[in-house]
Structure formats: structure tokens, C-alpha cells
C-alpha atoms as a PDB file:
ATOM      1  CA  UNK A   1      -6.384  -2.054 -11.338  1.00  0.00           C
ATOM      2  CA  UNK A   2      -8.284  -5.234 -10.147  1.00  0.00           C
ATOM      3  CA  UNK A   3      -8.647  -5.436  -5.716  1.00  0.00           C
ATOM      4  CA  UNK A   4      -8.366  -8.705  -3.345  1.00  0.00           C
ATOM      5  CA  UNK A   5     -10.455  -8.273  -1.163  1.00  0.00           C
ATOM      6  CA  UNK A   6     -11.218 -10.094   1.661  1.00  0.00           C
ATOM      7  CA  UNK A   7     -13.254  -9.389   5.261  1.00  0.00           C
ATOM      8  CA  UNK A   8     -13.138  -5.457   3.608  1.00  0.00           C
ATOM      9  CA  UNK A   9      -9.491  -5.362   3.705  1.00  0.00           C
ATOM     10  CA  UNK A  10      -7.194  -5.606   0.830  1.00  0.00           C
ATOM     11  CA  UNK A  11      -5.247  -8.635   1.799  1.00  0.00           C
ATOM     12  CA  UNK A  12      -4.955 -10.294   4.439  1.00  0.00           C
ATOM     13  CA  UNK A  13      -3.359 -12.753   6.440  1.00  0.00           C
ATOM     14  CA  UNK A  14      -5.423 -15.646   5.137  1.00  0.00           C
ATOM     15  CA  UNK A  15      -4.512 -14.569   1.832  1.00  0.00           C
ATOM     16  CA  UNK A  16      -1.157 -14.494   1.589  1.00  0.00           C
ATOM     17  CA  UNK A  17      -1.481 -17.849   3.044  1.00  0.00           C
ATOM     18  CA  UNK A  18      -3.633 -18.798   0.085  1.00  0.00           C
ATOM     19  CA  UNK A  19      -1.135 -17.661  -1.823  1.00  0.00           C
ATOM     20  CA  UNK A  20       1.868 -19.327  -0.344  1.00  0.00           C
ATOM     21  CA  UNK A  21      -0.105 -22.291  -1.107  1.00  0.00           C
ATOM     22  CA  UNK A  22      -0.143 -22.124  -4.492  1.00  0.00           C
ATOM     23  CA  UNK A  23       3.473 -22.247  -4.795  1.00  0.00           C
ATOM     24  CA  UNK A  24       4.135 -18.287  -4.730  1.00  0.00           C
ATOM     25  CA  UNK A  25       6.528 -17.226  -3.012  1.00  0.00           C
ATOM     26  CA  UNK A  26       5.558 -14.459  -0.272  1.00  0.00           C
ATOM     27  CA  UNK A  27       8.936 -11.964   0.459  1.00  0.00           C
ATOM     28  CA  UNK A  28       7.676 -10.375   3.444  1.00  0.00           C
ATOM     29  CA  UNK A  29       4.786  -8.324   5.371  1.00  0.00           C
ATOM     30  CA  UNK A  30       4.218  -5.071   6.792  1.00  0.00           C
ATOM     31  CA  UNK A  31       1.695  -4.103   8.904  1.00  0.00           C
ATOM     32  CA  UNK A  32       3.401  -1.428  10.707  1.00  0.00           C
ATOM     33  CA  UNK A  33       4.619   1.138   8.435  1.00  0.00           C
ATOM     34  CA  UNK A  34       3.187   4.572   8.986  1.00  0.00           C
ATOM     35  CA  UNK A  35       1.532   4.520   5.888  1.00  0.00           C
ATOM     36  CA  UNK A  36      -0.064   1.803   5.766  1.00  0.00           C
ATOM     37  CA  UNK A  37       0.137  -1.965   5.557  1.00  0.00           C
ATOM     38  CA  UNK A  38       2.579  -3.870   2.105  1.00  0.00           C
ATOM     39  CA  UNK A  39       3.411  -7.404   1.382  1.00  0.00           C
ATOM     40  CA  UNK A  40       5.749  -8.717  -1.244  1.00  0.00           C
ATOM     41  CA  UNK A  41       5.262 -11.570  -3.606  1.00  0.00           C
ATOM     42  CA  UNK A  42       7.049 -12.989  -6.502  1.00  0.00           C
ATOM     43  CA  UNK A  43       4.559 -13.937  -9.125  1.00  0.00           C
ATOM     44  CA  UNK A  44       5.385 -17.109 -11.354  1.00  0.00           C
ATOM     45  CA  UNK A  45       7.187 -15.342 -13.616  1.00  0.00           C
ATOM     46  CA  UNK A  46       9.221 -14.379 -10.586  1.00  0.00           C
ATOM     47  CA  UNK A  47       8.432 -10.431 -11.304  1.00  0.00           C
ATOM     48  CA  UNK A  48       7.976  -8.806  -7.289  1.00  0.00           C
ATOM     49  CA  UNK A  49       4.556  -7.660  -6.704  1.00  0.00           C
ATOM     50  CA  UNK A  50       3.913  -5.219  -4.020  1.00  0.00           C
ATOM     51  CA  UNK A  51       0.362  -4.613  -2.275  1.00  0.00           C
ATOM     52  CA  UNK A  52      -0.305  -1.869  -0.538  1.00  0.00           C
ATOM     53  CA  UNK A  53      -3.574  -1.028   1.797  1.00  0.00           C
ATOM     54  CA  UNK A  54      -3.415   2.865   3.228  1.00  0.00           C
ATOM     55  CA  UNK A  55      -3.695   4.028   6.746  1.00  0.00           C
ATOM     56  CA  UNK A  56      -7.333   4.370   7.273  1.00  0.00           C
END
């Protein structure tokens, strides 16, 4: 499993912005979940991908 990191985080606002600049559809983000941070987007083949960073 590959990890994309940005400034010590698995994902960041900047990384999601970069994805959006390249045409990736960002579906949502939740930084307030008790289980950690989540983000969802569609890849170029319209497959939904979820990123999860556990609480520390």
C-alpha cells in the first residue's frame, strides 16, 4: 500500500487542492471524525477512493 505524505500527514489541504487542479473530483473531507481524518475523491475511472488518517 502506497502512502502519499505532505508535511508529515497522510493527506493535506494542499494535496487535495493539487488533485483538484489535475481534474480529480473531490467528494468530501472530514477532519472532525473521532476515528481520524477522512477524504473522498473519484479517480479518473470514476472509482471512489477514501483516504483515512487515524487519530494520533
